[in-house]
Structures are given as structure tokens and as C-alpha cells.
Amino acid sequence: MSSLRVEASLAPAPLTAAAGRAVAGLYQGIKPKYTVNTIGGSNYYANALHYYLFSADGRVYRRYDFPPVQAGSVVQFDFDAAEHTDRSNSGRYTVDGCKLIIHMEGQQPEIIVTDAPRNGLVTINTVRYERQ
């Protein structure tokens, strides 16, 4: 027990309305996508369009190939349905200082910490995304 040490870490700041509005939108990048050829029995990575959709109230959804909504229709996206049908690509985000903190859900939760978007650009896991 003497070698056991517990350290507290601060929780990220709650999302403010201004920060949510600043981040909200549809972002597009190009990211390698794992593909399986069931006919030929091979698999490979190929570059594909990849999207992140951020709501003004702190929700996030990501997807390959085609956007989940048109760029101007973010408020029409059903984040509840996406969370129910595609949990591993759904999550929440906040902005703490100049950092964007994304918590993706699913069987293997993922936390992504990156610089907050600037001038319509954000880099997530080395992929550059541009607001549409």
C-alpha cells in the first residue's frame, strides 16, 4: 500500500455558449480508411473523405465517405439517433482554454486532445480538417 499513489486531475471546463458556436460546424479532411476486399481476400488502406460534425451544445459525430449533413444544416442532424446506431463515432466535446477535448464513446472510448479550431481549420490525430 505504501507504493500506491492517487493523483487528482482537473476535469475539463464545461463548454460555454461562445466556445460551442465557435467550434460548431462540419469539418472535412482526408484520412486513410481500412478497406477489405471480400472477393479478392485482401485488405488495404486507401485515402477517403472523413468528416467531423460538431454541434453548438457539445456533441460530435464522425464518419467516412460522405457528410452526415449539408454544411449549413448542422442543427438538423439527429445526434441522439447517431449515438444509438453508431455509438463508437459519437461523443461529446468541450473547449478548455485553447484545447479542443473530444470524448468518443463506444466499446473502446477515445479521448482526443488537440488545438481548438482556428480560421476554420482543426488538426485531429495528424489529419487537417477544414470547416465546410
C-alpha atoms as a PDB file:
ATOM      1  CA  MET A   1       0.000   0.000   0.000  1.00  0.00           C
ATOM      2  CA  SER A   2       2.885   2.391   0.552  1.00  0.00           C
ATOM      3  CA  SER A   3       3.646   2.374  -3.180  1.00  0.00           C
ATOM      4  CA  LEU A   4       0.073   3.275  -4.108  1.00  0.00           C
ATOM      5  CA  ARG A   5      -0.417   6.879  -5.121  1.00  0.00           C
ATOM      6  CA  VAL A   6      -3.629   8.577  -6.268  1.00  0.00           C
ATOM      7  CA  GLU A   7      -3.466  11.896  -8.057  1.00  0.00           C
ATOM      8  CA  ALA A   8      -6.394  14.096  -8.876  1.00  0.00           C
ATOM      9  CA  SER A   9      -6.716  15.713 -12.255  1.00  0.00           C
ATOM     10  CA  LEU A  10      -8.943  18.599 -13.087  1.00  0.00           C
ATOM     11  CA  ALA A  11     -11.977  17.935 -15.244  1.00  0.00           C
ATOM     12  CA  PRO A  12     -12.131  19.967 -18.445  1.00  0.00           C
ATOM     13  CA  ALA A  13     -14.087  23.194 -18.289  1.00  0.00           C
ATOM     14  CA  PRO A  14     -17.747  22.998 -19.275  1.00  0.00           C
ATOM     15  CA  LEU A  15     -18.491  24.170 -22.806  1.00  0.00           C
ATOM     16  CA  THR A  16     -19.518  27.810 -22.959  1.00  0.00           C
ATOM     17  CA  ALA A  17     -22.080  29.001 -25.489  1.00  0.00           C
ATOM     18  CA  ALA A  18     -19.460  31.167 -27.202  1.00  0.00           C
ATOM     19  CA  ALA A  19     -16.962  28.290 -27.492  1.00  0.00           C
ATOM     20  CA  GLY A  20     -19.685  25.971 -28.814  1.00  0.00           C
ATOM     21  CA  ARG A  21     -20.681  28.468 -31.500  1.00  0.00           C
ATOM     22  CA  ALA A  22     -17.027  28.977 -32.448  1.00  0.00           C
ATOM     23  CA  VAL A  23     -16.443  25.225 -32.965  1.00  0.00           C
ATOM     24  CA  ALA A  24     -19.849  24.182 -34.350  1.00  0.00           C
ATOM     25  CA  GLY A  25     -19.903  23.065 -37.953  1.00  0.00           C
ATOM     26  CA  LEU A  26     -19.000  20.375 -40.434  1.00  0.00           C
ATOM     27  CA  TYR A  27     -15.270  19.736 -40.935  1.00  0.00           C
ATOM     28  CA  GLN A  28     -13.808  17.707 -43.815  1.00  0.00           C
ATOM     29  CA  GLY A  29     -10.414  16.037 -44.126  1.00  0.00           C
ATOM     30  CA  ILE A  30      -8.760  13.158 -45.959  1.00  0.00           C
ATOM     31  CA  LYS A  31      -7.807  10.169 -43.838  1.00  0.00           C
ATOM     32  CA  PRO A  32      -6.675   6.588 -44.593  1.00  0.00           C
ATOM     33  CA  LYS A  33      -9.594   4.156 -44.431  1.00  0.00           C
ATOM     34  CA  TYR A  34      -9.159   0.426 -43.813  1.00  0.00           C
ATOM     35  CA  THR A  35     -10.884  -1.479 -46.619  1.00  0.00           C
ATOM     36  CA  VAL A  36     -11.491  -5.214 -47.016  1.00  0.00           C
ATOM     37  CA  ASN A  37     -11.872  -6.789 -50.452  1.00  0.00           C
ATOM     38  CA  THR A  38     -14.176  -9.732 -49.722  1.00  0.00           C
ATOM     39  CA  ILE A  39     -13.974 -11.044 -53.291  1.00  0.00           C
ATOM     40  CA  GLY A  40     -10.189 -10.976 -53.634  1.00  0.00           C
ATOM     41  CA  GLY A  41      -9.492 -11.689 -49.976  1.00  0.00           C
ATOM     42  CA  SER A  42      -7.174  -8.728 -49.471  1.00  0.00           C
ATOM     43  CA  ASN A  43      -7.246  -5.644 -47.300  1.00  0.00           C
ATOM     44  CA  TYR A  44      -5.627  -2.257 -47.621  1.00  0.00           C
ATOM     45  CA  TYR A  45      -5.739   1.393 -46.608  1.00  0.00           C
ATOM     46  CA  ALA A  46      -6.995   3.982 -49.077  1.00  0.00           C
ATOM     47  CA  ASN A  47      -7.400   7.727 -48.610  1.00  0.00           C
ATOM     48  CA  ALA A  48     -11.042   8.715 -48.128  1.00  0.00           C
ATOM     49  CA  LEU A  49     -13.029  11.754 -47.127  1.00  0.00           C
ATOM     50  CA  HIS A  50     -13.563  11.918 -43.377  1.00  0.00           C
ATOM     51  CA  TYR A  51     -15.911  14.247 -41.513  1.00  0.00           C
ATOM     52  CA  TYR A  52     -16.396  15.607 -38.008  1.00  0.00           C
ATOM     53  CA  LEU A  53     -19.696  17.282 -37.194  1.00  0.00           C
ATOM     54  CA  PHE A  54     -19.732  19.475 -34.067  1.00  0.00           C
ATOM     55  CA  SER A  55     -22.930  20.880 -32.553  1.00  0.00           C
ATOM     56  CA  ALA A  56     -23.004  24.162 -30.658  1.00  0.00           C
ATOM     57  CA  ASP A  57     -24.076  22.302 -27.490  1.00  0.00           C
ATOM     58  CA  GLY A  58     -21.054  19.984 -27.266  1.00  0.00           C
ATOM     59  CA  ARG A  59     -21.969  16.911 -29.307  1.00  0.00           C
ATOM     60  CA  VAL A  60     -19.773  15.397 -32.009  1.00  0.00           C
ATOM     61  CA  TYR A  61     -20.183  12.772 -34.713  1.00  0.00           C
ATOM     62  CA  ARG A  62     -17.624  11.484 -37.246  1.00  0.00           C
ATOM     63  CA  ARG A  63     -17.941   9.499 -40.446  1.00  0.00           C
ATOM     64  CA  TYR A  64     -16.127   8.457 -43.632  1.00  0.00           C
ATOM     65  CA  ASP A  65     -17.013   8.975 -47.317  1.00  0.00           C
ATOM     66  CA  PHE A  66     -19.906  11.440 -47.291  1.00  0.00           C
ATOM     67  CA  PRO A  67     -21.038  14.188 -44.923  1.00  0.00           C
ATOM     68  CA  PRO A  68     -23.710  13.363 -42.359  1.00  0.00           C
ATOM     69  CA  VAL A  69     -25.450  16.651 -43.280  1.00  0.00           C
ATOM     70  CA  GLN A  70     -25.019  19.554 -45.652  1.00  0.00           C
ATOM     71  CA  ALA A  71     -22.665  22.197 -44.299  1.00  0.00           C
ATOM     72  CA  GLY A  72     -25.447  24.654 -43.429  1.00  0.00           C
ATOM     73  CA  SER A  73     -27.709  22.038 -41.804  1.00  0.00           C
ATOM     74  CA  VAL A  74     -25.807  21.129 -38.632  1.00  0.00           C
ATOM     75  CA  VAL A  75     -28.808  21.871 -36.393  1.00  0.00           C
ATOM     76  CA  GLN A  76     -30.910  19.357 -38.358  1.00  0.00           C
ATOM     77  CA  PHE A  77     -28.630  16.402 -37.573  1.00  0.00           C
ATOM     78  CA  ASP A  78     -30.084  13.870 -35.125  1.00  0.00           C
ATOM     79  CA  PHE A  79     -27.217  13.308 -32.676  1.00  0.00           C
ATOM     80  CA  ASP A  80     -29.448  11.085 -30.491  1.00  0.00           C
ATOM     81  CA  ALA A  81     -30.130   8.683 -33.381  1.00  0.00           C
ATOM     82  CA  ALA A  82     -26.438   8.657 -34.349  1.00  0.00           C
ATOM     83  CA  GLU A  83     -25.452   7.868 -30.763  1.00  0.00           C
ATOM     84  CA  HIS A  84     -27.951   5.000 -30.720  1.00  0.00           C
ATOM     85  CA  THR A  85     -26.924   3.468 -34.074  1.00  0.00           C
ATOM     86  CA  ASP A  86     -23.210   4.390 -34.258  1.00  0.00           C
ATOM     87  CA  ARG A  87     -22.005   4.818 -30.695  1.00  0.00           C
ATOM     88  CA  SER A  88     -18.279   4.478 -31.428  1.00  0.00           C
ATOM     89  CA  ASN A  89     -18.407   7.501 -33.762  1.00  0.00           C
ATOM     90  CA  SER A  90     -20.496   9.641 -31.422  1.00  0.00           C
ATOM     91  CA  GLY A  91     -19.384  11.672 -28.463  1.00  0.00           C
ATOM     92  CA  ARG A  92     -19.085  14.957 -26.634  1.00  0.00           C
ATOM     93  CA  TYR A  93     -16.571  17.763 -26.717  1.00  0.00           C
ATOM     94  CA  THR A  94     -15.565  20.825 -24.760  1.00  0.00           C
ATOM     95  CA  VAL A  95     -13.063  23.627 -25.155  1.00  0.00           C
ATOM     96  CA  ASP A  96     -10.680  24.279 -22.276  1.00  0.00           C
ATOM     97  CA  GLY A  97      -8.515  27.309 -22.907  1.00  0.00           C
ATOM     98  CA  CYS A  98      -7.159  26.799 -26.406  1.00  0.00           C
ATOM     99  CA  LYS A  99      -7.652  22.996 -26.379  1.00  0.00           C
ATOM    100  CA  LEU A 100     -10.462  21.038 -28.001  1.00  0.00           C
ATOM    101  CA  ILE A 101     -11.188  17.922 -25.928  1.00  0.00           C
ATOM    102  CA  ILE A 102     -13.244  15.220 -27.641  1.00  0.00           C
ATOM    103  CA  HIS A 103     -14.625  12.176 -25.798  1.00  0.00           C
ATOM    104  CA  MET A 104     -15.755   9.484 -28.244  1.00  0.00           C
ATOM    105  CA  GLU A 105     -17.974   6.744 -26.829  1.00  0.00           C
ATOM    106  CA  GLY A 106     -18.408   3.083 -27.690  1.00  0.00           C
ATOM    107  CA  GLN A 107     -16.737  -0.153 -26.604  1.00  0.00           C
ATOM    108  CA  GLN A 108     -13.304   1.462 -26.739  1.00  0.00           C
ATOM    109  CA  PRO A 109     -13.751   5.049 -25.520  1.00  0.00           C
ATOM    110  CA  GLU A 110     -11.301   7.520 -27.005  1.00  0.00           C
ATOM    111  CA  ILE A 111     -10.167  10.915 -25.752  1.00  0.00           C
ATOM    112  CA  ILE A 112      -8.717  13.298 -28.321  1.00  0.00           C
ATOM    113  CA  VAL A 113      -6.987  16.490 -27.217  1.00  0.00           C
ATOM    114  CA  THR A 114      -5.943  18.959 -29.885  1.00  0.00           C
ATOM    115  CA  ASP A 115      -5.770  22.688 -30.511  1.00  0.00           C
ATOM    116  CA  ALA A 116      -9.171  24.354 -30.888  1.00  0.00           C
ATOM    117  CA  PRO A 117     -10.149  25.256 -34.460  1.00  0.00           C
ATOM    118  CA  ARG A 118      -8.650  28.470 -35.842  1.00  0.00           C
ATOM    119  CA  ASN A 119      -9.678  30.128 -39.066  1.00  0.00           C
ATOM    120  CA  GLY A 120     -11.916  27.162 -39.899  1.00  0.00           C
ATOM    121  CA  LEU A 121      -9.106  24.599 -39.543  1.00  0.00           C
ATOM    122  CA  VAL A 122      -8.509  21.910 -36.937  1.00  0.00           C
ATOM    123  CA  THR A 123      -5.975  19.065 -36.834  1.00  0.00           C
ATOM    124  CA  ILE A 124      -7.201  15.823 -35.272  1.00  0.00           C
ATOM    125  CA  ASN A 125      -4.742  12.917 -34.996  1.00  0.00           C
ATOM    126  CA  THR A 126      -2.465  14.436 -37.685  1.00  0.00           C
ATOM    127  CA  VAL A 127      -5.354  14.926 -40.162  1.00  0.00           C
ATOM    128  CA  ARG A 128      -6.163  18.517 -41.121  1.00  0.00           C
ATOM    129  CA  TYR A 129      -9.897  19.263 -41.292  1.00  0.00           C
ATOM    130  CA  GLU A 130     -11.470  22.319 -42.885  1.00  0.00           C
ATOM    131  CA  ARG A 131     -14.855  23.772 -41.956  1.00  0.00           C
ATOM    132  CA  GLN A 132     -17.277  23.419 -44.837  1.00  0.00           C
END
